[in-house]
Structure formats: C-alpha cells, structure tokens
C-alpha atoms as a PDB file:
ATOM      1  CA  MET A   1     110.175  76.723 155.334  1.00  0.00           C
ATOM      2  CA  ASP A   2     108.875  80.165 154.332  1.00  0.00           C
ATOM      3  CA  LEU A   3     111.421  82.929 154.428  1.00  0.00           C
ATOM      4  CA  GLU A   4     110.135  86.392 155.158  1.00  0.00           C
ATOM      5  CA  ALA A   5     111.871  89.596 154.237  1.00  0.00           C
ATOM      6  CA  PRO A   6     112.901  91.602 157.281  1.00  0.00           C
ATOM      7  CA  LYS A   7     110.309  94.181 158.238  1.00  0.00           C
ATOM      8  CA  LEU A   8     111.811  97.634 158.353  1.00  0.00           C
ATOM      9  CA  GLU A   9     109.744 100.329 159.979  1.00  0.00           C
ATOM     10  CA  PHE A  10     110.297 103.667 158.286  1.00  0.00           C
ATOM     11  CA  GLY A  11     107.207 105.126 159.902  1.00  0.00           C
ATOM     12  CA  ARG A  12     105.581 108.355 158.890  1.00  0.00           C
ATOM     13  CA  SER A  13     106.841 110.269 155.859  1.00  0.00           C
ATOM     14  CA  PHE A  14     106.916 113.959 154.972  1.00  0.00           C
ATOM     15  CA  CYS A  15     104.347 115.684 152.805  1.00  0.00           C
ATOM     16  CA  TYR A  16     104.396 119.160 151.285  1.00  0.00           C
ATOM     17  CA  ASN A  17     101.789 121.856 151.651  1.00  0.00           C
ATOM     18  CA  LYS A  18      99.821 122.475 148.480  1.00  0.00           C
ATOM     19  CA  VAL A  19     101.257 125.459 146.601  1.00  0.00           C
ATOM     20  CA  TYR A  20      99.144 127.851 144.549  1.00  0.00           C
ATOM     21  CA  PHE A  21     100.552 129.944 141.715  1.00  0.00           C
ATOM     22  CA  SER A  22      99.248 133.386 140.838  1.00  0.00           C
ATOM     23  CA  ARG A  23     100.303 136.808 139.622  1.00  0.00           C
ATOM     24  CA  ILE A  24     100.150 140.239 141.163  1.00  0.00           C
ATOM     25  CA  GLY A  25     100.510 142.567 138.199  1.00  0.00           C
ATOM     26  CA  ASN A  26     103.497 141.227 136.250  1.00  0.00           C
ATOM     27  CA  GLU A  27     105.018 139.476 139.281  1.00  0.00           C
ATOM     28  CA  CYS A  28     104.633 135.729 139.829  1.00  0.00           C
ATOM     29  CA  VAL A  29     103.755 134.665 143.359  1.00  0.00           C
ATOM     30  CA  THR A  30     103.185 131.386 145.146  1.00  0.00           C
ATOM     31  CA  LEU A  31     100.907 130.917 148.134  1.00  0.00           C
ATOM     32  CA  GLU A  32     100.772 128.159 150.722  1.00  0.00           C
ATOM     33  CA  SER A  33      98.512 127.406 153.658  1.00  0.00           C
ATOM     34  CA  PHE A  34      99.640 128.704 157.043  1.00  0.00           C
ATOM     35  CA  LEU A  35     101.301 126.043 159.179  1.00  0.00           C
ATOM     36  CA  GLU A  36     100.115 126.227 162.769  1.00  0.00           C
ATOM     37  CA  GLY A  37     102.809 125.306 165.276  1.00  0.00           C
ATOM     38  CA  ARG A  38     106.515 125.663 165.917  1.00  0.00           C
ATOM     39  CA  PHE A  39     108.378 126.083 162.633  1.00  0.00           C
ATOM     40  CA  GLN A  40     111.515 123.946 162.245  1.00  0.00           C
ATOM     41  CA  LYS A  41     114.291 124.168 159.672  1.00  0.00           C
ATOM     42  CA  PHE A  42     116.176 120.914 159.172  1.00  0.00           C
ATOM     43  CA  ILE A  43     118.333 121.651 156.114  1.00  0.00           C
ATOM     44  CA  ASN A  44     119.076 125.085 154.643  1.00  0.00           C
ATOM     45  CA  ASN A  45     119.086 125.903 150.914  1.00  0.00           C
ATOM     46  CA  THR A  46     122.878 126.148 151.223  1.00  0.00           C
ATOM     47  CA  GLY A  47     122.959 122.422 152.027  1.00  0.00           C
ATOM     48  CA  ASP A  48     123.870 123.046 155.673  1.00  0.00           C
ATOM     49  CA  ILE A  49     122.267 120.642 158.127  1.00  0.00           C
ATOM     50  CA  CYS A  50     120.605 122.745 160.829  1.00  0.00           C
ATOM     51  CA  ALA A  51     119.351 122.011 164.304  1.00  0.00           C
ATOM     52  CA  HIS A  52     117.342 118.870 165.065  1.00  0.00           C
ATOM     53  CA  LYS A  53     119.840 116.774 163.079  1.00  0.00           C
ATOM     54  CA  ASP A  54     119.778 113.893 165.550  1.00  0.00           C
ATOM     55  CA  THR A  55     115.986 113.761 165.978  1.00  0.00           C
ATOM     56  CA  GLU A  56     113.746 111.364 164.027  1.00  0.00           C
ATOM     57  CA  LEU A  57     112.528 114.246 161.844  1.00  0.00           C
ATOM     58  CA  GLY A  58     116.065 115.507 161.297  1.00  0.00           C
ATOM     59  CA  LEU A  59     117.327 112.064 160.286  1.00  0.00           C
ATOM     60  CA  LYS A  60     114.375 111.586 157.921  1.00  0.00           C
ATOM     61  CA  ALA A  61     114.987 115.040 156.424  1.00  0.00           C
ATOM     62  CA  GLN A  62     118.575 114.082 155.644  1.00  0.00           C
ATOM     63  CA  ALA A  63     117.452 110.762 154.168  1.00  0.00           C
ATOM     64  CA  PHE A  64     114.914 112.614 151.991  1.00  0.00           C
ATOM     65  CA  VAL A  65     117.571 114.964 150.612  1.00  0.00           C
ATOM     66  CA  HIS A  66     119.948 112.053 150.044  1.00  0.00           C
ATOM     67  CA  TYR A  67     117.143 110.139 148.270  1.00  0.00           C
ATOM     68  CA  THR A  68     116.444 113.056 145.882  1.00  0.00           C
ATOM     69  CA  TYR A  69     120.129 113.236 145.013  1.00  0.00           C
ATOM     70  CA  ASN A  70     120.341 109.496 144.256  1.00  0.00           C
ATOM     71  CA  LYS A  71     117.032 109.299 142.346  1.00  0.00           C
ATOM     72  CA  SER A  72     118.092 112.182 140.057  1.00  0.00           C
ATOM     73  CA  ASP A  73     121.355 110.407 139.156  1.00  0.00           C
ATOM     74  CA  ASN A  74     123.203 113.056 141.182  1.00  0.00           C
ATOM     75  CA  HIS A  75     121.859 115.960 139.082  1.00  0.00           C
ATOM     76  CA  LEU A  76     119.670 117.703 141.645  1.00  0.00           C
ATOM     77  CA  VAL A  77     118.810 117.779 145.305  1.00  0.00           C
ATOM     78  CA  VAL A  78     115.743 119.075 147.142  1.00  0.00           C
ATOM     79  CA  LEU A  79     116.880 121.354 149.965  1.00  0.00           C
ATOM     80  CA  ASP A  80     115.510 123.938 152.388  1.00  0.00           C
ATOM     81  CA  ILE A  81     113.693 121.229 154.312  1.00  0.00           C
ATOM     82  CA  GLN A  82     111.481 123.090 156.747  1.00  0.00           C
ATOM     83  CA  GLY A  83     107.996 123.162 158.201  1.00  0.00           C
ATOM     84  CA  PHE A  84     106.016 121.905 161.141  1.00  0.00           C
ATOM     85  CA  GLY A  85     106.211 118.226 162.046  1.00  0.00           C
ATOM     86  CA  TYR A  86     105.818 116.089 158.936  1.00  0.00           C
ATOM     87  CA  THR A  87     104.310 118.928 156.874  1.00  0.00           C
ATOM     88  CA  LEU A  88     106.950 120.751 154.843  1.00  0.00           C
ATOM     89  CA  CYS A  89     106.826 124.005 152.904  1.00  0.00           C
ATOM     90  CA  ASP A  90     108.853 126.225 150.567  1.00  0.00           C
ATOM     91  CA  PRO A  91     111.500 123.821 149.198  1.00  0.00           C
ATOM     92  CA  GLU A  92     114.505 124.794 147.077  1.00  0.00           C
ATOM     93  CA  ILE A  93     116.053 122.678 144.363  1.00  0.00           C
ATOM     94  CA  ALA A  94     119.770 122.811 143.627  1.00  0.00           C
ATOM     95  CA  THR A  95     120.942 121.446 140.282  1.00  0.00           C
ATOM     96  CA  THR A  96     124.364 120.572 138.933  1.00  0.00           C
ATOM     97  CA  THR A  97     123.573 122.696 135.866  1.00  0.00           C
ATOM     98  CA  HIS A  98     122.753 126.193 137.053  1.00  0.00           C
ATOM     99  CA  LYS A  99     121.137 127.665 133.916  1.00  0.00           C
ATOM    100  CA  ASP A 100     119.429 126.500 130.759  1.00  0.00           C
ATOM    101  CA  ASP A 101     120.558 127.238 127.176  1.00  0.00           C
ATOM    102  CA  GLU A 102     118.755 130.617 127.266  1.00  0.00           C
ATOM    103  CA  ASP A 103     120.607 131.708 130.435  1.00  0.00           C
ATOM    104  CA  ASN A 104     117.563 131.250 132.695  1.00  0.00           C
ATOM    105  CA  PHE A 105     118.105 129.901 136.195  1.00  0.00           C
ATOM    106  CA  TYR A 106     116.742 126.441 136.813  1.00  0.00           C
ATOM    107  CA  PHE A 107     114.053 126.705 139.482  1.00  0.00           C
ATOM    108  CA  CYS A 108     115.032 130.258 140.613  1.00  0.00           C
ATOM    109  CA  THR A 109     117.947 132.278 141.892  1.00  0.00           C
ATOM    110  CA  GLY A 110     117.813 130.236 145.128  1.00  0.00           C
ATOM    111  CA  ASN A 111     119.348 127.353 143.162  1.00  0.00           C
ATOM    112  CA  LEU A 112     122.798 127.261 144.721  1.00  0.00           C
ATOM    113  CA  SER A 113     123.933 124.536 142.317  1.00  0.00           C
ATOM    114  CA  THR A 114     126.810 122.205 143.103  1.00  0.00           C
ATOM    115  CA  GLN A 115     127.878 124.346 146.073  1.00  0.00           C
ATOM    116  CA  ALA A 116     124.704 123.351 147.956  1.00  0.00           C
ATOM    117  CA  ASN A 117     124.987 119.724 146.827  1.00  0.00           C
ATOM    118  CA  ASP A 118     128.602 119.516 147.974  1.00  0.00           C
ATOM    119  CA  THR A 119     127.839 121.202 151.317  1.00  0.00           C
ATOM    120  CA  PHE A 120     125.049 118.747 152.073  1.00  0.00           C
ATOM    121  CA  LEU A 121     127.051 115.696 151.024  1.00  0.00           C
ATOM    122  CA  SER A 122     130.099 116.746 153.068  1.00  0.00           C
ATOM    123  CA  GLY A 123     127.986 117.234 156.223  1.00  0.00           C
ATOM    124  CA  HIS A 124     125.709 114.221 155.828  1.00  0.00           C
ATOM    125  CA  SER A 125     126.318 110.839 157.426  1.00  0.00           C
ATOM    126  CA  CYS A 126     123.990 108.083 156.333  1.00  0.00           C
ATOM    127  CA  ASN A 127     121.586 107.007 159.044  1.00  0.00           C
ATOM    128  CA  LYS A 128     119.088 104.200 159.617  1.00  0.00           C
ATOM    129  CA  TYR A 129     116.567 105.832 157.247  1.00  0.00           C
ATOM    130  CA  CYS A 130     119.153 106.090 154.463  1.00  0.00           C
ATOM    131  CA  ASN A 131     119.906 102.416 155.039  1.00  0.00           C
ATOM    132  CA  MET A 132     116.194 101.501 154.839  1.00  0.00           C
ATOM    133  CA  LEU A 133     116.071 103.288 151.451  1.00  0.00           C
ATOM    134  CA  ASN A 134     119.246 101.521 150.283  1.00  0.00           C
ATOM    135  CA  LEU A 135     121.123 104.791 149.806  1.00  0.00           C
END
C-alpha cells in the first residue's frame, strides 16, 4: 500500500516589486514601479495587524511575517506588508538589535526593533497558512 503525504494547498504567494537604488545629489533614493489598483495595508511597520486580517491575503500576510520571524531565529521580522493583491511594495525590517557597532541603524530609522516584533506577536494568532508552513 502506497502512503501519500496529505496535499496542502497554500495557493498563490506574495512577490515584491523590483526596487531600484539611486542617488539625487548626496541623498539615497529607492524607486519602485507604480502599482495599479486599490492599495491595501495588511500589517504596519509597528507590527499592528491592519484591516483585511480575516481575508485570504490578510492571513497569508500574517503567515509571511511569522515565517520571517521563525526563519531568522527570532532576530528579525519583515513588516509593513502592503501593496495590491499579491504584489507587495516598500517593506520594513525590524530587528532585535537596533544598531550596529558603529551606531548605525540596521535597515533604517523605520526599524522599530523589538517593539514591532512584540506588537505583531501579541496580536497574531496562527492560522491555516501558518500551520501549512509548520510555524
């Protein structure tokens, strides 16, 4: 008798817009393609879970953030999950260590460190997508 692993259907996954880096004078800038459609914010850079939290996209957004936390051994989390449909843009990363040895912020001043991690974790309840990812 052949045993088959259960088939779990995660479905479509998110992707990020391509980001271009440049400078205007001495200032660093990033550019992304315009997203046509109704913009949605699922999770803020503060770690707060926004509207759409019970939709398929909202549940997948939470699972994605949870996944980044687990895969980094609880050192960072990708937040500010926003965009149009499955195309995301402008993420933030919050780290447990806020600055490097030279007092530079990791990723930028939008890194809200453990405060954002804790806020997300306290508001998040694992869902079917977290379970599919064994989180």
